[in-house]
């Protein structure tokens, strides 16, 4: 797990879909990384971040303590209070 972000507000934008206004609670959230969407502690979706923004600018990563806007690839059913958990798959040899 590389980081976690809590969705605090939902924005519906035409031509884009649903954007989760998020606050990074731990670690780092990176653009394009694999994520798990947790709702009430249960994984409801696994996918990728399609866009990550800070103040209308694209961001490569957002660190703990900062706010950002996150859109999830091919998924729009996000709600306030959901947790986005970014992760990396690492081979252990």
Protein backbone atom coordinates (compact mmCIF):
# COMPACT_ATOMS: atom_id res chain seq x y z
CA UNK A 1 0.00 0.00 0.00
CA UNK A 2 1.46 3.36 -1.07
CA UNK A 3 -1.20 5.64 0.38
CA UNK A 4 -4.81 6.29 1.33
CA UNK A 5 -7.21 9.13 0.55
CA UNK A 6 -10.65 9.81 1.98
CA UNK A 7 -13.36 11.11 -0.35
CA UNK A 8 -14.87 14.18 1.27
CA UNK A 9 -16.98 15.64 -1.54
CA UNK A 10 -18.41 14.46 -4.87
CA UNK A 11 -18.39 16.60 -8.03
CA UNK A 12 -20.34 15.60 -11.14
CA UNK A 13 -18.76 17.12 -14.24
CA UNK A 14 -20.20 16.67 -17.74
CA UNK A 15 -17.89 14.95 -20.26
CA UNK A 16 -15.71 13.70 -17.38
CA UNK A 17 -17.97 11.91 -14.93
CA UNK A 18 -17.71 11.83 -11.15
CA UNK A 19 -14.71 13.41 -9.42
CA UNK A 20 -13.98 12.61 -5.79
CA UNK A 21 -12.72 15.60 -3.83
CA UNK A 22 -10.25 13.80 -1.58
CA UNK A 23 -7.86 14.35 1.32
CA UNK A 24 -4.74 12.18 1.44
CA UNK A 25 -4.67 10.72 4.96
CA UNK A 26 -1.47 8.66 4.67
CA UNK A 27 1.40 8.05 2.25
CA UNK A 28 1.26 9.21 -1.38
CA UNK A 29 -1.39 8.83 -4.08
CA UNK A 30 0.10 8.62 -7.58
CA UNK A 31 -1.52 9.24 -10.96
CA UNK A 32 -2.22 6.04 -12.90
CA UNK A 33 -1.56 3.69 -9.99
CA UNK A 34 -3.73 0.71 -9.07
CA UNK A 35 -6.30 1.38 -6.37
CA UNK A 36 -8.86 -0.32 -4.19
CA UNK A 37 -12.07 1.52 -3.27
CA UNK A 38 -13.12 0.71 0.29
CA UNK A 39 -16.64 1.37 1.54
CA UNK A 40 -17.31 0.57 5.21
CA UNK A 41 -14.06 -1.44 5.30
CA UNK A 42 -15.06 -3.68 2.36
CA UNK A 43 -13.35 -3.56 -1.06
CA UNK A 44 -16.07 -2.53 -3.53
CA UNK A 45 -13.90 -1.90 -6.61
CA UNK A 46 -10.35 -2.41 -7.87
CA UNK A 47 -9.02 -0.41 -10.80
CA UNK A 48 -6.78 2.51 -11.73
CA UNK A 49 -6.75 6.25 -11.21
CA UNK A 50 -7.58 7.91 -14.53
CA UNK A 51 -6.80 11.46 -13.39
CA UNK A 52 -5.30 13.16 -10.37
CA UNK A 53 -5.54 16.94 -9.99
CA UNK A 54 -4.49 19.68 -7.57
CA UNK A 55 -6.19 23.05 -8.16
CA UNK A 56 -7.21 22.26 -11.78
CA UNK A 57 -3.62 21.20 -12.63
CA UNK A 58 -2.64 17.61 -13.36
CA UNK A 59 -0.49 16.10 -10.61
CA UNK A 60 1.88 13.12 -10.75
CA UNK A 61 1.47 12.51 -7.03
CA UNK A 62 -0.21 14.03 -3.98
CA UNK A 63 1.35 13.60 -0.54
CA UNK A 64 -0.18 13.14 2.90
CA UNK A 65 -1.97 16.22 4.23
CA UNK A 66 -2.99 17.63 0.84
CA UNK A 67 -6.29 17.69 -1.03
CA UNK A 68 -6.84 16.50 -4.60
CA UNK A 69 -9.45 15.50 -7.15
CA UNK A 70 -9.49 11.85 -8.20
CA UNK A 71 -11.35 10.15 -11.05
CA UNK A 72 -11.36 6.38 -11.28
CA UNK A 73 -11.10 4.66 -14.66
CA UNK A 74 -14.49 3.24 -15.80
CA UNK A 75 -16.14 3.75 -12.38
CA UNK A 76 -18.50 6.48 -11.17
CA UNK A 77 -20.21 4.98 -8.10
CA UNK A 78 -18.16 6.78 -5.45
CA UNK A 79 -19.62 8.24 -2.27
CA UNK A 80 -18.48 10.57 0.49
CA UNK A 81 -16.59 8.65 3.15
CA UNK A 82 -15.13 6.08 0.73
CA UNK A 83 -11.42 5.34 1.08
CA UNK A 84 -9.17 5.10 -1.96
CA UNK A 85 -6.15 2.92 -1.24
CA UNK A 86 -3.28 3.06 -3.75
CA UNK A 87 -1.02 0.02 -4.02
CA UNK A 88 1.84 -1.49 -6.00
CA UNK A 89 2.33 -5.15 -6.84
CA UNK A 90 5.86 -6.26 -5.93
CA UNK A 91 7.37 -9.65 -6.75
CA UNK A 92 9.08 -11.25 -3.76
CA UNK A 93 11.83 -13.59 -4.84
